[in-house]
């Protein structure tokens, strides 16, 4: 029985985002994976047996209902036993539409999935923004799942069920798919503005430089931008920064923003409210720079610098430039 995996592509590189590779990793534990890509070529890094390329002429850009309709059609064509997507904003939205179209239940933010008989799967999934793990049972002829952004470690040995270390796309069977869509399926489409186009997305960045109230204002982010550029990363912010209007909401890290899973999260002037921790807990390494030795984020940090970010960041930038 095939398993369908929706693949999201990075807008800058055209390659799968890490969250989608993790979704493929979990999908592989359920059976042979057929990747679904909305694009004109098969991307690299897919540990799948097949890939369905949905013609860009059929679906121009991100259209959640149309994407869900395509998945519903492929479910029927392939006899899929499960459909998985990354637990990103788009993944959760598309899978919710797919559940509404097919009348099937959808389970979000799964960490593990184990078949337990005909039409039954046992799940472990995140609740309360990852602060609670739930054991659940999903009963449905086709399992619709989104995968928690920090569900699968990237260093799982190749050959292990759920591993994503084997990212070769050699031997992929490519199918060009032209879906039959109604005008209503394309009524809602998202277009990325020129300001937000290009570059690395917050959700897929390997390095995130975070700024909070301690940055002091809009002008205080210039050193953080410089550091992020040197490290090949992006800037993220706490909720208070967006509330003050210093930075756009798309840069917010947290329960009501973006959940991130970078190799390094450098949190500058961020106190560490529980909603923010829910968004950055998936980072492999957290370094906090704060003048307050009692700031809650220090309890979650691997390393902490007790000092003024306006002195620490320029010094760090200067040291990096010297090297």
Protein backbone atom coordinates (compact mmCIF):
# COMPACT_ATOMS: atom_id res chain seq x y z
CA UNK A 1 0.00 0.00 0.00
CA UNK A 2 1.46 3.31 -1.03
CA UNK A 3 1.74 6.30 1.28
CA UNK A 4 1.43 9.82 -0.15
CA UNK A 5 3.65 12.59 1.22
CA UNK A 6 3.03 16.24 0.36
CA UNK A 7 6.34 18.01 -0.28
CA UNK A 8 6.75 21.73 0.31
CA UNK A 9 9.57 23.47 -1.55
CA UNK A 10 11.81 26.27 -0.35
CA UNK A 11 11.00 29.36 -2.40
CA UNK A 12 14.67 30.32 -2.72
CA UNK A 13 16.23 26.98 -3.66
CA UNK A 14 13.34 24.94 -5.05
CA UNK A 15 14.41 22.05 -2.80
CA UNK A 16 12.27 20.30 -0.15
CA UNK A 17 12.13 22.01 3.23
CA UNK A 18 13.51 20.01 6.16
CA UNK A 19 10.03 19.63 7.63
CA UNK A 20 8.88 17.81 4.49
CA UNK A 21 11.88 15.48 4.64
CA UNK A 22 10.87 14.64 8.20
CA UNK A 23 7.36 13.92 6.99
CA UNK A 24 8.79 11.56 4.37
CA UNK A 25 10.81 9.90 7.13
CA UNK A 26 7.69 9.13 9.14
CA UNK A 27 5.80 8.11 6.00
CA UNK A 28 8.47 5.51 5.20
CA UNK A 29 7.66 3.69 8.43
CA UNK A 30 4.18 3.02 7.00
CA UNK A 31 5.11 1.79 3.52
CA UNK A 32 6.52 2.80 0.12
CA UNK A 33 6.29 6.57 -0.28
CA UNK A 34 4.97 8.48 -3.28
CA UNK A 35 5.89 12.15 -3.02
CA UNK A 36 3.52 14.83 -4.30
CA UNK A 37 5.25 17.96 -5.58
CA UNK A 38 3.64 21.08 -6.99
CA UNK A 39 6.38 22.00 -9.44
CA UNK A 40 7.94 21.27 -12.80
CA UNK A 41 10.79 18.96 -11.74
CA UNK A 42 11.55 16.28 -9.19
CA UNK A 43 13.63 17.82 -6.37
CA UNK A 44 16.65 16.13 -4.86
CA UNK A 45 16.70 14.69 -1.37
CA UNK A 46 13.52 12.60 -1.59
CA UNK A 47 13.74 9.12 -0.05
CA UNK A 48 10.69 7.97 -2.02
CA UNK A 49 9.89 5.43 -4.74
CA UNK A 50 7.67 7.67 -6.87
CA UNK A 51 7.01 11.35 -7.30
CA UNK A 52 3.89 12.93 -8.72
CA UNK A 53 4.63 16.29 -10.32
CA UNK A 54 1.53 18.46 -10.43
CA UNK A 55 1.73 20.69 -13.50
CA UNK A 56 2.27 24.33 -12.51
CA UNK A 57 -0.16 25.33 -15.27
CA UNK A 58 -2.91 23.51 -13.36
CA UNK A 59 -2.27 25.13 -9.98
CA UNK A 60 -0.47 28.46 -10.05
CA UNK A 61 1.03 29.13 -6.64
CA UNK A 62 -0.38 28.04 -3.31
CA UNK A 63 -4.10 27.27 -3.44
CA UNK A 64 -5.05 25.20 -0.35
CA UNK A 65 -8.35 23.81 -1.62
CA UNK A 66 -6.84 22.92 -4.99
CA UNK A 67 -3.89 21.21 -3.33
CA UNK A 68 -6.27 19.20 -1.15
CA UNK A 69 -8.37 18.30 -4.20
CA UNK A 70 -5.25 17.02 -5.96
CA UNK A 71 -4.36 14.86 -2.96
CA UNK A 72 -7.90 13.49 -2.83
CA UNK A 73 -7.66 12.50 -6.49
CA UNK A 74 -4.28 10.82 -6.01
CA UNK A 75 -5.63 9.00 -2.95
CA UNK A 76 -8.26 7.41 -5.13
CA UNK A 77 -5.91 6.73 -8.06
CA UNK A 78 -3.18 5.09 -5.98
CA UNK A 79 -5.29 3.42 -3.30
CA UNK A 80 -3.16 5.16 -0.68
CA UNK A 81 -3.36 3.90 2.89
CA UNK A 82 -2.16 7.21 4.36
CA UNK A 83 -1.43 10.81 3.39
CA UNK A 84 1.14 12.81 5.33
CA UNK A 85 2.36 16.40 5.27
CA UNK A 86 4.67 18.50 7.39
CA UNK A 87 3.04 20.24 10.34
CA UNK A 88 3.66 23.67 8.83
CA UNK A 89 0.97 26.30 8.32
CA UNK A 90 0.46 25.08 4.77
CA UNK A 91 0.63 21.40 5.64
CA UNK A 92 -1.97 21.70 8.38
CA UNK A 93 -4.23 23.85 6.22
CA UNK A 94 -4.13 21.54 3.19
CA UNK A 95 -4.69 18.42 5.28
CA UNK A 96 -7.64 20.04 7.06
CA UNK A 97 -9.21 20.76 3.67
CA UNK A 98 -8.46 17.19 2.59
CA UNK A 99 -10.27 15.89 5.66
CA UNK A 100 -13.27 18.08 4.85
CA UNK A 101 -13.33 16.95 1.21
CA UNK A 102 -13.04 13.23 2.00
CA UNK A 103 -14.97 13.17 5.29
CA UNK A 104 -11.98 11.57 7.03
CA UNK A 105 -10.49 12.57 10.40
CA UNK A 106 -7.10 14.27 10.43
CA UNK A 107 -4.51 14.04 13.23
CA UNK A 108 -2.03 16.91 13.52
CA UNK A 109 1.54 17.15 14.84
CA UNK A 110 2.30 13.44 15.01
CA UNK A 111 5.61 12.16 16.40
CA UNK A 112 5.08 8.47 15.67
CA UNK A 113 2.53 6.29 13.92
CA UNK A 114 2.10 2.53 14.31
CA UNK A 115 -0.40 0.41 12.34
CA UNK A 116 -2.60 -1.56 14.75
CA UNK A 117 -4.88 -3.58 12.52
CA UNK A 118 -7.25 -2.84 9.67
CA UNK A 119 -7.95 0.90 9.43
CA UNK A 120 -6.43 1.53 12.86
CA UNK A 121 -3.27 3.49 13.73
CA UNK A 122 -1.81 4.26 17.14
CA UNK A 123 -0.34 7.74 17.36
CA UNK A 124 1.82 9.81 19.61
CA UNK A 125 1.27 13.48 18.87
CA UNK A 126 2.04 16.88 20.31
CA UNK A 127 -0.64 18.91 22.05
CA UNK A 128 -0.56 22.35 23.64
CA UNK A 129 2.18 23.53 21.26
CA UNK A 130 4.38 20.54 22.09
CA UNK A 131 4.15 20.84 25.88
CA UNK A 132 2.09 17.65 26.15
CA UNK A 133 2.32 14.29 24.35
CA UNK A 134 -0.91 12.44 23.64
CA UNK A 135 -1.37 8.73 22.94
CA UNK A 136 -4.26 8.39 20.52
CA UNK A 137 -5.95 5.93 18.20
CA UNK A 138 -7.00 6.95 14.69
CA UNK A 139 -9.66 4.82 13.05
CA UNK A 140 -10.08 5.58 9.35
CA UNK A 141 -9.72 3.77 6.01
CA UNK A 142 -7.03 6.32 5.06
CA UNK A 143 -4.88 7.98 7.74
CA UNK A 144 -4.52 11.74 7.26
CA UNK A 145 -1.61 13.05 9.31
CA UNK A 146 0.65 16.03 9.72
CA UNK A 147 4.09 15.47 11.21
CA UNK A 148 5.49 17.56 14.06
CA UNK A 149 8.31 19.77 12.86
CA UNK A 150 10.79 18.16 15.28
CA UNK A 151 9.50 14.61 14.93
CA UNK A 152 12.42 12.82 13.28
CA UNK A 153 16.11 13.31 13.96
CA UNK A 154 18.14 13.86 10.79
CA UNK A 155 20.96 11.59 11.96
CA UNK A 156 18.85 8.42 12.08
CA UNK A 157 20.93 5.74 10.30
CA UNK A 158 19.89 4.91 6.76
CA UNK A 159 17.77 1.78 6.62
CA UNK A 160 16.09 2.47 9.96
CA UNK A 161 12.29 2.78 9.64
CA UNK A 162 11.54 6.47 9.49
CA UNK A 163 15.12 7.49 8.70
CA UNK A 164 15.68 10.44 6.42
CA UNK A 165 19.45 10.14 6.15
CA UNK A 166 19.14 8.42 2.76
CA UNK A 167 18.17 11.42 0.67
CA UNK A 168 19.12 10.16 -2.75
CA UNK A 169 16.48 10.64 -5.44
CA UNK A 170 18.13 8.14 -7.76
CA UNK A 171 15.68 5.63 -9.19
CA UNK A 172 12.61 7.80 -8.62
CA UNK A 173 9.73 7.04 -10.95
CA UNK A 174 8.33 10.40 -12.03
CA UNK A 175 4.66 10.83 -12.97
CA UNK A 176 3.40 14.09 -14.45
CA UNK A 177 -0.07 14.66 -13.02
CA UNK A 178 -2.65 16.99 -14.54
CA UNK A 179 -5.55 17.27 -12.09
CA UNK A 180 -9.16 18.00 -12.96
CA UNK A 181 -10.02 21.08 -10.93
CA UNK A 182 -13.10 23.27 -10.77
CA UNK A 183 -12.91 27.06 -10.81
CA UNK A 184 -14.01 27.12 -7.18
CA UNK A 185 -10.95 25.10 -6.15
CA UNK A 186 -8.75 27.97 -7.30
CA UNK A 187 -10.86 30.78 -5.84
CA UNK A 188 -8.46 31.23 -2.92
CA UNK A 189 -4.79 31.55 -3.76
CA UNK A 190 -1.89 33.02 -1.82
CA UNK A 191 0.64 35.28 -3.48
CA UNK A 192 3.96 36.12 -1.84
CA UNK A 193 4.76 39.81 -1.78
CA UNK A 194 8.02 41.10 -3.20
CA UNK A 195 9.15 42.07 0.31
CA UNK A 196 8.84 38.51 1.54
CA UNK A 197 10.04 36.76 -1.59
CA UNK A 198 13.37 35.03 -1.81
CA UNK A 199 15.86 34.16 0.88
CA UNK A 200 15.60 31.46 3.52
CA UNK A 201 12.28 30.86 5.22
CA UNK A 202 12.05 31.06 9.01
CA UNK A 203 10.59 27.55 9.26
CA UNK A 204 13.43 25.94 7.30
CA UNK A 205 16.41 28.08 8.40
CA UNK A 206 19.35 26.28 10.01
CA UNK A 207 20.35 29.40 11.94
CA UNK A 208 17.88 31.85 13.50
CA UNK A 209 18.92 35.05 15.27
CA UNK A 210 16.05 36.03 17.56
CA UNK A 211 15.33 39.50 18.86
CA UNK A 212 13.00 40.57 21.64
CA UNK A 213 12.07 43.67 23.58
CA UNK A 214 15.68 44.03 24.68
CA UNK A 215 16.68 45.00 21.14
CA UNK A 216 15.16 48.39 21.96
CA UNK A 217 13.36 49.28 18.75
CA UNK A 218 13.30 48.83 14.96
CA UNK A 219 16.80 50.28 14.49
CA UNK A 220 18.26 47.82 16.97
CA UNK A 221 17.78 44.93 14.55
CA UNK A 222 20.51 46.06 12.13
CA UNK A 223 23.32 44.19 14.01
CA UNK A 224 21.11 41.09 14.22
CA UNK A 225 20.50 41.24 10.46
CA UNK A 226 24.26 41.54 9.90
CA UNK A 227 24.98 38.56 12.14
CA UNK A 228 22.27 36.49 10.46
CA UNK A 229 23.77 37.28 7.06
CA UNK A 230 27.24 36.23 8.22
CA UNK A 231 25.91 32.92 9.55
CA UNK A 232 23.64 32.20 6.58
CA UNK A 233 20.55 32.50 8.74
CA UNK A 234 17.46 34.64 9.25
CA UNK A 235 16.07 36.94 11.91
CA UNK A 236 13.16 35.84 14.10
CA UNK A 237 11.35 37.85 16.76
CA UNK A 238 9.21 37.49 19.86
CA UNK A 239 5.52 38.38 19.98
CA UNK A 240 6.07 41.70 21.72
CA UNK A 241 8.24 42.87 18.83
CA UNK A 242 5.43 42.33 16.33
CA UNK A 243 2.90 43.83 18.75
CA UNK A 244 5.02 47.00 18.89
CA UNK A 245 5.13 47.05 15.10
CA UNK A 246 8.93 46.81 14.99
CA UNK A 247 8.96 43.76 12.68
CA UNK A 248 6.35 41.89 10.56
CA UNK A 249 4.36 38.98 11.98
CA UNK A 250 5.87 36.54 9.47
CA UNK A 251 9.11 36.75 11.51
CA UNK A 252 7.46 35.84 14.81
CA UNK A 253 8.68 32.70 16.56
CA UNK A 254 6.20 31.14 18.95
CA UNK A 255 2.90 29.42 19.54
CA UNK A 256 1.03 32.04 17.49
CA UNK A 257 3.89 32.47 15.03
CA UNK A 258 6.29 30.01 13.39
CA UNK A 259 7.71 26.90 15.06
CA UNK A 260 11.38 26.61 14.19
CA UNK A 261 13.84 23.69 14.20
CA UNK A 262 17.24 25.23 13.42
CA UNK A 263 20.68 23.90 14.27
CA UNK A 264 21.24 27.11 16.25
CA UNK A 265 18.85 29.61 17.81
CA UNK A 266 20.55 32.71 19.22
CA UNK A 267 17.97 34.52 21.37
CA UNK A 268 18.89 38.16 22.00
CA UNK A 269 17.01 40.21 24.57
CA UNK A 270 14.18 37.67 24.78
CA UNK A 271 12.79 36.85 28.23
CA UNK A 272 11.35 33.50 27.19
CA UNK A 273 7.58 33.47 27.69
CA UNK A 274 6.08 29.99 27.48
CA UNK A 275 4.46 30.80 24.12
CA UNK A 276 7.86 31.71 22.67
CA UNK A 277 9.51 28.59 24.09
CA UNK A 278 6.81 26.52 22.39
CA UNK A 279 8.02 27.91 19.06
CA UNK A 280 11.76 27.43 19.54
CA UNK A 281 11.92 24.23 21.64
CA UNK A 282 12.73 22.22 18.50
CA UNK A 283 16.07 24.02 18.04
CA UNK A 284 19.05 21.70 18.45
CA UNK A 285 21.08 24.36 20.28
CA UNK A 286 19.84 27.51 22.03
CA UNK A 287 22.14 30.34 23.09
CA UNK A 288 20.63 33.21 25.06
CA UNK A 289 22.04 36.73 25.41
CA UNK A 290 20.32 38.61 28.23
CA UNK A 291 21.13 41.12 30.94
CA UNK A 292 18.77 39.34 33.34
CA UNK A 293 20.33 36.18 34.88
CA UNK A 294 16.84 35.13 35.97
CA UNK A 295 15.23 35.29 32.52
CA UNK A 296 13.10 32.15 31.92
CA UNK A 297 14.78 31.43 28.57
CA UNK A 298 18.06 30.67 30.36
CA UNK A 299 16.50 27.49 31.75
CA UNK A 300 16.08 26.24 28.17
CA UNK A 301 19.41 27.45 26.79
CA UNK A 302 22.47 25.27 26.22
CA UNK A 303 24.65 28.34 26.74
CA UNK A 304 23.97 31.82 28.09
CA UNK A 305 25.77 35.13 27.86
CA UNK A 306 24.79 37.48 30.69
CA UNK A 307 25.43 40.83 29.11
CA UNK A 308 24.18 43.66 26.92
CA UNK A 309 23.33 42.43 23.42
CA UNK A 310 24.28 45.86 22.05
CA UNK A 311 27.86 45.08 23.11
CA UNK A 312 27.89 41.31 22.58
CA UNK A 313 26.46 41.21 19.06
CA UNK A 314 28.82 43.83 17.53
CA UNK A 315 31.76 42.05 19.18
CA UNK A 316 30.59 38.73 17.75
CA UNK A 317 30.14 40.26 14.29
CA UNK A 318 33.63 41.76 14.44
CA UNK A 319 35.14 38.41 15.49
CA UNK A 320 33.39 36.58 12.67
CA UNK A 321 34.55 39.12 10.11
CA UNK A 322 38.16 38.79 11.35
CA UNK A 323 38.00 35.03 10.81
